[in-house]
Protein backbone atom coordinates (compact mmCIF):
# COMPACT_ATOMS: atom_id res chain seq x y z
CA UNK A 1 33.97 5.37 -64.15
CA UNK A 2 34.54 4.99 -67.90
CA UNK A 3 37.24 6.86 -69.76
CA UNK A 4 38.17 7.55 -73.37
CA UNK A 5 41.44 8.99 -74.58
CA UNK A 6 42.53 10.45 -77.90
CA UNK A 7 45.87 11.86 -78.95
CA UNK A 8 46.82 14.44 -81.51
CA UNK A 9 49.97 16.34 -82.56
CA UNK A 10 50.32 19.87 -83.89
CA UNK A 11 53.40 21.92 -84.71
CA UNK A 12 53.83 25.49 -83.54
CA UNK A 13 56.44 27.94 -82.30
CA UNK A 14 56.25 30.06 -79.17
CA UNK A 15 58.29 32.28 -76.90
CA UNK A 16 57.06 32.47 -73.33
CA UNK A 17 57.82 35.09 -70.72
CA UNK A 18 59.57 33.74 -67.62
CA UNK A 19 60.52 36.10 -64.81
CA UNK A 20 59.68 39.07 -67.00
CA UNK A 21 62.06 37.96 -69.76
CA UNK A 22 60.85 36.68 -73.11
CA UNK A 23 62.71 33.56 -74.17
CA UNK A 24 63.95 32.92 -77.70
CA UNK A 25 61.31 31.86 -80.20
CA UNK A 26 61.40 28.10 -80.74
CA UNK A 27 59.15 25.37 -82.08
CA UNK A 28 57.66 22.12 -80.85
CA UNK A 29 55.65 19.21 -82.06
CA UNK A 30 53.03 19.58 -79.33
CA UNK A 31 51.48 16.27 -78.28
CA UNK A 32 47.93 16.62 -77.01
CA UNK A 33 46.10 13.94 -75.04
CA UNK A 34 42.43 14.46 -74.22
CA UNK A 35 40.73 12.20 -71.67
CA UNK A 36 37.02 12.24 -70.94
CA UNK A 37 35.33 10.32 -68.13
CA UNK A 38 31.80 9.52 -67.09
CA UNK A 39 30.00 7.05 -64.89
CA UNK A 40 27.21 6.11 -67.34
CA UNK A 41 27.10 4.75 -70.86
CA UNK A 42 24.37 5.52 -73.38
CA UNK A 43 21.89 2.94 -74.72
CA UNK A 44 24.48 1.79 -77.27
CA UNK A 45 27.13 1.17 -74.60
CA UNK A 46 29.16 4.30 -75.42
CA UNK A 47 30.42 7.12 -73.26
CA UNK A 48 30.75 9.09 -76.50
CA UNK A 49 31.99 8.55 -80.05
CA UNK A 50 35.80 8.63 -80.43
CA UNK A 51 35.42 10.22 -83.87
CA UNK A 52 33.32 13.09 -82.52
CA UNK A 53 35.99 13.80 -79.89
CA UNK A 54 38.66 13.74 -82.59
CA UNK A 55 36.68 16.22 -84.70
CA UNK A 56 36.26 18.61 -81.76
CA UNK A 57 39.96 18.51 -80.86
CA UNK A 58 41.04 18.85 -84.50
CA UNK A 59 38.83 21.95 -84.87
CA UNK A 60 40.49 23.57 -81.83
CA UNK A 61 44.01 22.67 -82.95
CA UNK A 62 43.63 23.70 -86.61
CA UNK A 63 44.10 27.47 -86.02
CA UNK A 64 47.29 26.78 -84.00
CA UNK A 65 48.93 24.25 -86.34
CA UNK A 66 52.04 25.54 -88.15
CA UNK A 67 51.79 28.97 -86.52
CA UNK A 68 53.56 31.12 -84.01
CA UNK A 69 51.32 30.84 -80.97
CA UNK A 70 52.28 34.34 -79.80
CA UNK A 71 50.50 35.67 -82.91
CA UNK A 72 47.46 33.38 -82.61
CA UNK A 73 44.39 34.01 -80.43
CA UNK A 74 44.16 33.70 -77.49
CA UNK A 75 47.94 33.56 -77.10
CA UNK A 76 48.38 36.95 -78.72
CA UNK A 77 47.08 38.21 -75.34
CA UNK A 78 48.21 35.52 -72.88
CA UNK A 79 51.54 33.79 -72.29
CA UNK A 80 51.61 30.68 -74.56
CA UNK A 81 52.81 28.29 -71.86
CA UNK A 82 52.05 24.57 -72.05
CA UNK A 83 49.69 25.09 -69.09
CA UNK A 84 47.74 27.79 -70.92
CA UNK A 85 47.64 25.75 -74.14
CA UNK A 86 46.19 22.79 -72.22
CA UNK A 87 43.59 25.02 -70.55
CA UNK A 88 42.59 26.63 -73.85
CA UNK A 89 42.08 23.26 -75.55
CA UNK A 90 40.15 21.83 -72.59
CA UNK A 91 37.77 24.79 -72.31
CA UNK A 92 37.17 24.94 -76.07
CA UNK A 93 36.42 21.22 -76.31
CA UNK A 94 34.27 21.24 -73.15
CA UNK A 95 31.88 23.66 -74.88
CA UNK A 96 31.30 21.09 -77.63
CA UNK A 97 31.01 17.73 -75.84
CA UNK A 98 27.71 16.31 -74.68
CA UNK A 99 26.24 13.18 -73.28
CA UNK A 100 27.48 11.44 -70.18
CA UNK A 101 30.88 13.13 -69.97
CA UNK A 102 31.50 14.34 -66.41
CA UNK A 103 35.24 15.10 -66.46
CA UNK A 104 37.67 16.25 -69.08
CA UNK A 105 41.45 16.57 -68.97
CA UNK A 106 43.94 17.78 -71.56
CA UNK A 107 47.65 17.07 -71.30
CA UNK A 108 50.11 18.89 -73.53
CA UNK A 109 53.68 17.72 -74.04
CA UNK A 110 55.94 20.29 -75.64
CA UNK A 111 59.13 18.27 -75.21
CA UNK A 112 59.79 14.69 -74.08
CA UNK A 113 59.24 14.48 -70.35
CA UNK A 114 57.66 17.96 -70.10
CA UNK A 115 53.88 17.72 -69.79
CA UNK A 116 51.23 20.10 -68.49
CA UNK A 117 47.67 19.01 -67.67
CA UNK A 118 44.42 20.94 -67.19
CA UNK A 119 41.46 19.07 -65.63
CA UNK A 120 37.87 20.16 -65.28
CA UNK A 121 34.54 18.88 -64.03
CA UNK A 122 31.66 19.30 -66.46
CA UNK A 123 28.10 20.17 -65.55
CA UNK A 124 25.56 19.05 -68.09
C-alpha cells in the first residue's frame, strides 16, 4: 500500500456545544493532515500528484480560513467540533480525487495533543 501525506494550517474561531452548553468563542490555528492510500501506482510511478492534493485541500479550507466556523457553512448548521471539521474536509476532498486512491483520512489538530481523525474508503 502506498501513501501520500500533505499538511496545511488555517485559522478560525469556533464555539462548540458540549452537554447542551455552548462554550466561549475561541480561536485556533487548525492543523490539517490529509493522507491518501492506494495499492497501485500509475504508469509514471505516482499514486497521485502532491500538488493536486494541495490544491483540493486549499480549496476546501479557503472558505473557513480567518472566519468564525459557527457562521460558515456547513458549521452554521452543525456543531463545529474537530471531528466534524475533519469529516467535512475528507468528504469534500474525496469528491475531487481520482486515480488509484482507495483510502483517505483527514486529521485535524485544534490544539497541541488534541487531534480528531476521519477515515473513509473510496470507491472509484
